[in-house]
N, C-alpha and C. Protein backbone atom coordinates (compact mmCIF):
# COMPACT_ATOMS: atom_id res chain seq x y z
N MET A 1 -13.46 40.84 -4.98
CA MET A 1 -12.24 40.10 -5.23
C MET A 1 -11.69 39.62 -3.89
N LYS A 2 -11.11 38.41 -3.89
CA LYS A 2 -10.56 37.86 -2.67
C LYS A 2 -9.09 37.56 -2.85
N ARG A 3 -8.36 37.74 -1.76
CA ARG A 3 -6.97 37.32 -1.71
C ARG A 3 -6.92 36.15 -0.74
N PHE A 4 -5.91 35.33 -0.87
CA PHE A 4 -5.76 34.20 0.02
C PHE A 4 -4.45 34.33 0.77
N ALA A 5 -4.49 33.99 2.05
CA ALA A 5 -3.30 34.04 2.88
C ALA A 5 -3.12 32.69 3.56
N LEU A 6 -1.90 32.25 3.68
CA LEU A 6 -1.59 31.00 4.35
C LEU A 6 -0.93 31.34 5.66
N ALA A 7 -1.44 30.79 6.76
CA ALA A 7 -0.89 31.07 8.08
C ALA A 7 -0.65 29.74 8.79
N LEU A 8 0.28 29.76 9.72
CA LEU A 8 0.58 28.59 10.52
C LEU A 8 0.21 28.91 11.96
N MET A 9 -0.75 28.15 12.50
CA MET A 9 -1.21 28.40 13.86
C MET A 9 -1.21 27.09 14.61
N ALA A 10 -0.47 27.01 15.68
CA ALA A 10 -0.38 25.81 16.51
C ALA A 10 -0.03 24.58 15.68
N GLY A 11 0.83 24.74 14.70
CA GLY A 11 1.29 23.63 13.89
C GLY A 11 0.33 23.22 12.78
N VAL A 12 -0.78 23.94 12.61
CA VAL A 12 -1.75 23.61 11.57
C VAL A 12 -1.78 24.75 10.56
N ALA A 13 -1.64 24.39 9.30
CA ALA A 13 -1.70 25.41 8.24
C ALA A 13 -3.16 25.80 8.03
N LEU A 14 -3.41 27.08 7.93
CA LEU A 14 -4.76 27.60 7.71
C LEU A 14 -4.79 28.41 6.44
N LEU A 15 -5.85 28.27 5.68
CA LEU A 15 -6.04 29.06 4.47
C LEU A 15 -7.12 30.08 4.76
N ALA A 16 -6.81 31.35 4.61
CA ALA A 16 -7.77 32.40 4.89
C ALA A 16 -8.14 33.11 3.59
N ALA A 17 -9.43 33.27 3.37
CA ALA A 17 -9.91 34.04 2.23
C ALA A 17 -10.17 35.44 2.75
N ILE A 18 -9.44 36.41 2.24
CA ILE A 18 -9.54 37.78 2.72
C ILE A 18 -10.12 38.64 1.61
N SER A 19 -11.27 39.23 1.84
CA SER A 19 -11.90 40.09 0.85
C SER A 19 -11.19 41.42 0.81
N THR A 20 -11.04 41.97 -0.38
CA THR A 20 -10.38 43.27 -0.51
C THR A 20 -11.27 44.40 -0.02
N ASP A 21 -12.58 44.13 0.13
CA ASP A 21 -13.48 45.17 0.63
C ASP A 21 -13.51 45.22 2.15
N GLY A 22 -12.71 44.38 2.82
CA GLY A 22 -12.60 44.42 4.27
C GLY A 22 -13.63 43.58 4.99
N SER A 23 -14.43 42.78 4.28
CA SER A 23 -15.42 41.95 4.95
C SER A 23 -14.72 40.81 5.69
N ALA A 24 -15.49 40.10 6.49
CA ALA A 24 -14.94 39.06 7.35
C ALA A 24 -14.22 37.98 6.54
N ALA A 25 -13.15 37.46 7.10
CA ALA A 25 -12.36 36.42 6.45
C ALA A 25 -12.87 35.05 6.87
N ALA A 26 -12.88 34.11 5.95
CA ALA A 26 -13.23 32.73 6.25
C ALA A 26 -11.92 31.96 6.33
N ILE A 27 -11.68 31.32 7.46
CA ILE A 27 -10.43 30.61 7.67
C ILE A 27 -10.71 29.11 7.71
N CYS A 28 -10.02 28.36 6.86
CA CYS A 28 -10.17 26.91 6.80
C CYS A 28 -8.80 26.26 6.87
N PRO A 29 -8.70 25.10 7.53
CA PRO A 29 -7.42 24.38 7.54
C PRO A 29 -7.13 23.82 6.15
N THR A 30 -5.88 23.64 5.83
CA THR A 30 -5.49 23.09 4.53
C THR A 30 -5.39 21.56 4.58
N ILE A 31 -5.94 20.97 5.61
CA ILE A 31 -5.95 19.51 5.74
C ILE A 31 -6.82 18.93 4.64
N PHE A 32 -6.30 17.90 3.95
CA PHE A 32 -7.03 17.28 2.85
C PHE A 32 -7.86 16.12 3.38
N GLN A 33 -9.16 16.36 3.57
CA GLN A 33 -10.13 15.34 3.95
C GLN A 33 -11.35 15.58 3.06
N PRO A 34 -11.30 15.08 1.82
CA PRO A 34 -12.31 15.45 0.82
C PRO A 34 -13.73 15.09 1.21
N VAL A 35 -14.65 15.93 0.76
CA VAL A 35 -16.08 15.69 0.91
C VAL A 35 -16.74 15.97 -0.44
N CYS A 36 -17.86 15.32 -0.65
CA CYS A 36 -18.65 15.55 -1.86
C CYS A 36 -19.81 16.46 -1.47
N GLY A 37 -19.95 17.56 -2.18
CA GLY A 37 -21.01 18.50 -1.86
C GLY A 37 -21.67 19.04 -3.11
N VAL A 38 -22.80 19.68 -2.92
CA VAL A 38 -23.55 20.24 -4.04
C VAL A 38 -24.11 21.60 -3.65
N VAL A 39 -24.08 22.51 -4.61
CA VAL A 39 -24.65 23.84 -4.42
C VAL A 39 -25.84 23.96 -5.36
N GLY A 40 -27.03 24.10 -4.81
CA GLY A 40 -28.23 24.24 -5.62
C GLY A 40 -28.44 23.05 -6.53
N ALA A 41 -28.70 23.33 -7.80
CA ALA A 41 -28.97 22.28 -8.78
C ALA A 41 -27.72 21.89 -9.57
N SER A 42 -26.56 22.37 -9.15
CA SER A 42 -25.32 22.06 -9.86
C SER A 42 -24.92 20.59 -9.65
N ASN A 43 -23.93 20.15 -10.39
CA ASN A 43 -23.41 18.80 -10.23
C ASN A 43 -22.62 18.69 -8.94
N PRO A 44 -22.62 17.50 -8.31
CA PRO A 44 -21.79 17.32 -7.11
C PRO A 44 -20.33 17.62 -7.40
N THR A 45 -19.66 18.23 -6.42
CA THR A 45 -18.27 18.65 -6.56
C THR A 45 -17.48 18.14 -5.36
N THR A 46 -16.25 17.71 -5.59
CA THR A 46 -15.37 17.31 -4.50
C THR A 46 -14.67 18.55 -3.95
N TYR A 47 -14.77 18.76 -2.65
CA TYR A 47 -14.11 19.86 -1.95
C TYR A 47 -12.98 19.28 -1.11
N PRO A 48 -11.89 20.05 -0.89
CA PRO A 48 -10.75 19.52 -0.13
C PRO A 48 -11.08 19.16 1.31
N ASN A 49 -12.05 19.84 1.93
CA ASN A 49 -12.49 19.50 3.27
C ASN A 49 -13.86 20.14 3.52
N ALA A 50 -14.49 19.78 4.63
CA ALA A 50 -15.84 20.26 4.94
C ALA A 50 -15.89 21.77 5.13
N CYS A 51 -14.84 22.35 5.68
CA CYS A 51 -14.81 23.80 5.89
C CYS A 51 -14.87 24.54 4.57
N VAL A 52 -14.11 24.11 3.60
CA VAL A 52 -14.10 24.75 2.28
C VAL A 52 -15.48 24.57 1.62
N ALA A 53 -16.09 23.40 1.80
CA ALA A 53 -17.43 23.16 1.23
C ALA A 53 -18.45 24.10 1.87
N ARG A 54 -18.41 24.22 3.19
CA ARG A 54 -19.34 25.13 3.86
C ARG A 54 -19.12 26.57 3.43
N ARG A 55 -17.86 26.96 3.24
CA ARG A 55 -17.55 28.32 2.79
C ARG A 55 -18.13 28.57 1.41
N ALA A 56 -18.21 27.52 0.58
CA ALA A 56 -18.80 27.64 -0.75
C ALA A 56 -20.32 27.52 -0.70
N ARG A 57 -20.87 27.36 0.51
CA ARG A 57 -22.31 27.19 0.73
C ARG A 57 -22.85 25.90 0.09
N ALA A 58 -21.99 24.87 0.11
CA ALA A 58 -22.37 23.57 -0.45
C ALA A 58 -23.04 22.72 0.62
N ARG A 59 -23.99 21.91 0.21
CA ARG A 59 -24.62 20.92 1.10
C ARG A 59 -23.79 19.65 0.96
N ILE A 60 -23.21 19.18 2.06
CA ILE A 60 -22.33 18.01 2.02
C ILE A 60 -23.17 16.75 1.90
N LEU A 61 -22.85 15.94 0.88
CA LEU A 61 -23.58 14.70 0.63
C LEU A 61 -22.94 13.52 1.36
N HIS A 62 -21.60 13.45 1.33
CA HIS A 62 -20.90 12.36 2.00
C HIS A 62 -19.41 12.68 2.10
N GLN A 63 -18.73 11.96 2.98
CA GLN A 63 -17.28 12.06 3.12
C GLN A 63 -16.64 11.39 1.92
N GLY A 64 -15.49 11.89 1.50
CA GLY A 64 -14.79 11.30 0.37
C GLY A 64 -15.11 12.01 -0.93
N ALA A 65 -14.35 11.68 -1.96
CA ALA A 65 -14.53 12.32 -3.27
C ALA A 65 -15.85 11.88 -3.91
N CYS A 66 -16.37 12.74 -4.76
CA CYS A 66 -17.59 12.42 -5.51
C CYS A 66 -17.32 11.25 -6.45
N LEU A 67 -18.32 10.42 -6.68
CA LEU A 67 -18.16 9.21 -7.48
C LEU A 67 -18.72 9.33 -8.89
N GLY A 68 -19.75 10.11 -9.10
CA GLY A 68 -20.51 10.15 -10.35
C GLY A 68 -19.89 11.06 -11.38
N PRO A 69 -20.58 11.30 -12.44
CA PRO A 69 -22.00 11.03 -12.67
C PRO A 69 -22.30 9.64 -13.24
N ILE A 70 -21.30 8.92 -13.70
CA ILE A 70 -21.54 7.59 -14.25
C ILE A 70 -21.33 6.56 -13.15
N CYS A 71 -22.36 5.74 -12.92
CA CYS A 71 -22.31 4.74 -11.84
C CYS A 71 -22.24 3.33 -12.40
N PHE A 72 -21.52 2.48 -11.71
CA PHE A 72 -21.52 1.06 -12.03
C PHE A 72 -22.72 0.43 -11.34
N PHE A 73 -23.28 -0.61 -11.93
CA PHE A 73 -24.44 -1.27 -11.35
C PHE A 73 -24.01 -2.33 -10.35
N ILE A 74 -23.42 -1.89 -9.28
CA ILE A 74 -22.99 -2.76 -8.18
C ILE A 74 -23.96 -2.53 -7.04
N PHE A 75 -24.59 -3.59 -6.55
CA PHE A 75 -25.56 -3.46 -5.48
C PHE A 75 -24.82 -3.43 -4.14
N ASN A 76 -24.74 -2.28 -3.55
CA ASN A 76 -24.14 -2.06 -2.24
C ASN A 76 -24.98 -0.97 -1.57
N PRO A 77 -26.18 -1.34 -1.05
CA PRO A 77 -27.17 -0.35 -0.64
C PRO A 77 -26.68 0.60 0.46
N VAL A 78 -27.21 1.82 0.36
CA VAL A 78 -26.96 2.86 1.36
C VAL A 78 -28.29 3.52 1.70
N CYS A 79 -28.37 4.04 2.90
CA CYS A 79 -29.54 4.80 3.33
C CYS A 79 -29.16 6.27 3.28
N ALA A 80 -29.94 7.06 2.54
CA ALA A 80 -29.65 8.48 2.38
C ALA A 80 -30.94 9.28 2.45
N LEU A 81 -30.81 10.53 2.84
CA LEU A 81 -31.95 11.43 2.97
C LEU A 81 -32.29 12.03 1.62
N ASP A 82 -33.46 11.67 1.10
CA ASP A 82 -33.90 12.17 -0.21
C ASP A 82 -34.19 13.67 -0.09
N PRO A 83 -33.59 14.50 -0.94
CA PRO A 83 -33.78 15.94 -0.81
C PRO A 83 -35.19 16.42 -1.14
N ARG A 84 -35.94 15.65 -1.92
CA ARG A 84 -37.30 16.06 -2.28
C ARG A 84 -38.31 15.68 -1.20
N THR A 85 -38.24 14.45 -0.71
CA THR A 85 -39.23 13.98 0.26
C THR A 85 -38.79 14.20 1.70
N ARG A 86 -37.50 14.45 1.90
CA ARG A 86 -36.92 14.61 3.25
C ARG A 86 -37.08 13.34 4.09
N ARG A 87 -37.12 12.19 3.42
CA ARG A 87 -37.26 10.90 4.11
C ARG A 87 -36.08 10.01 3.79
N PRO A 88 -35.69 9.16 4.73
CA PRO A 88 -34.64 8.17 4.44
C PRO A 88 -35.09 7.24 3.32
N THR A 89 -34.22 7.04 2.36
CA THR A 89 -34.51 6.21 1.19
C THR A 89 -33.33 5.29 0.93
N THR A 90 -33.60 4.03 0.60
CA THR A 90 -32.54 3.10 0.26
C THR A 90 -32.19 3.27 -1.22
N TYR A 91 -30.91 3.48 -1.49
CA TYR A 91 -30.39 3.60 -2.86
C TYR A 91 -29.51 2.38 -3.12
N PRO A 92 -29.40 1.95 -4.38
CA PRO A 92 -28.62 0.73 -4.68
C PRO A 92 -27.13 0.86 -4.36
N ASN A 93 -26.59 2.10 -4.40
CA ASN A 93 -25.19 2.31 -4.03
C ASN A 93 -24.97 3.82 -3.79
N LEU A 94 -23.80 4.17 -3.29
CA LEU A 94 -23.50 5.56 -2.95
C LEU A 94 -23.53 6.47 -4.17
N CYS A 95 -23.08 5.97 -5.29
CA CYS A 95 -23.07 6.77 -6.51
C CYS A 95 -24.49 7.15 -6.92
N ALA A 96 -25.43 6.22 -6.82
CA ALA A 96 -26.82 6.51 -7.17
C ALA A 96 -27.41 7.53 -6.20
N ALA A 97 -27.09 7.42 -4.92
CA ALA A 97 -27.57 8.40 -3.93
C ALA A 97 -26.99 9.78 -4.23
N GLU A 98 -25.72 9.81 -4.58
CA GLU A 98 -25.05 11.08 -4.91
C GLU A 98 -25.70 11.74 -6.12
N ASN A 99 -26.00 10.96 -7.15
CA ASN A 99 -26.65 11.50 -8.34
C ASN A 99 -28.05 12.01 -8.06
N ALA A 100 -28.69 11.48 -7.02
CA ALA A 100 -30.02 11.95 -6.61
C ALA A 100 -29.89 13.14 -5.66
N ARG A 101 -28.66 13.56 -5.37
CA ARG A 101 -28.37 14.67 -4.45
C ARG A 101 -28.82 14.36 -3.02
N ALA A 102 -28.84 13.06 -2.66
CA ALA A 102 -29.26 12.62 -1.34
C ALA A 102 -28.07 12.62 -0.39
N ARG A 103 -28.30 12.99 0.86
CA ARG A 103 -27.25 13.04 1.89
C ARG A 103 -27.16 11.68 2.57
N LEU A 104 -25.96 11.09 2.55
CA LEU A 104 -25.73 9.77 3.14
C LEU A 104 -26.02 9.79 4.63
N LEU A 105 -26.81 8.82 5.08
CA LEU A 105 -27.06 8.64 6.51
C LEU A 105 -26.19 7.51 7.06
N TYR A 106 -26.21 6.35 6.37
CA TYR A 106 -25.37 5.23 6.77
C TYR A 106 -25.35 4.18 5.66
N ASN A 107 -24.36 3.29 5.73
CA ASN A 107 -24.25 2.17 4.78
C ASN A 107 -25.28 1.12 5.12
N GLY A 108 -25.83 0.49 4.10
CA GLY A 108 -26.86 -0.53 4.29
C GLY A 108 -28.23 0.03 4.02
N PRO A 109 -29.21 -0.86 3.84
CA PRO A 109 -30.56 -0.40 3.57
C PRO A 109 -31.16 0.33 4.77
N CYS A 110 -32.10 1.21 4.50
CA CYS A 110 -32.76 1.96 5.58
C CYS A 110 -33.56 0.98 6.46
N ARG A 111 -33.50 1.19 7.75
CA ARG A 111 -34.24 0.36 8.70
C ARG A 111 -35.66 0.89 8.83
N ARG A 112 -36.58 -0.01 8.96
CA ARG A 112 -37.98 0.39 9.17
C ARG A 112 -38.16 0.81 10.62
N ARG A 113 -39.05 1.75 10.82
CA ARG A 113 -39.30 2.24 12.19
C ARG A 113 -40.46 1.54 12.81
């Protein structure tokens, strides 16, 4: 079981997860800078910030809130790292890359080497 504590340090609010068994606490700022992340084979989830996502052991796909699972067919290509092949792959848009669990590298089609 975990308890949560809110602390103010140098003008920044911090959220600390404190285990009742005395294990190490994970401290994250309460700053809202959402990221889209995924844990294992689960659906992508929006986390309040990268620290909270890492604490949940999520792999961060991109900055900002998750877009899927339903995507519009708007062609706005992005280059993302395919989790199966570990190679940069061009996806038709960020939502399609997110649904493939691919990590965004940059906007636009992948450049050839």
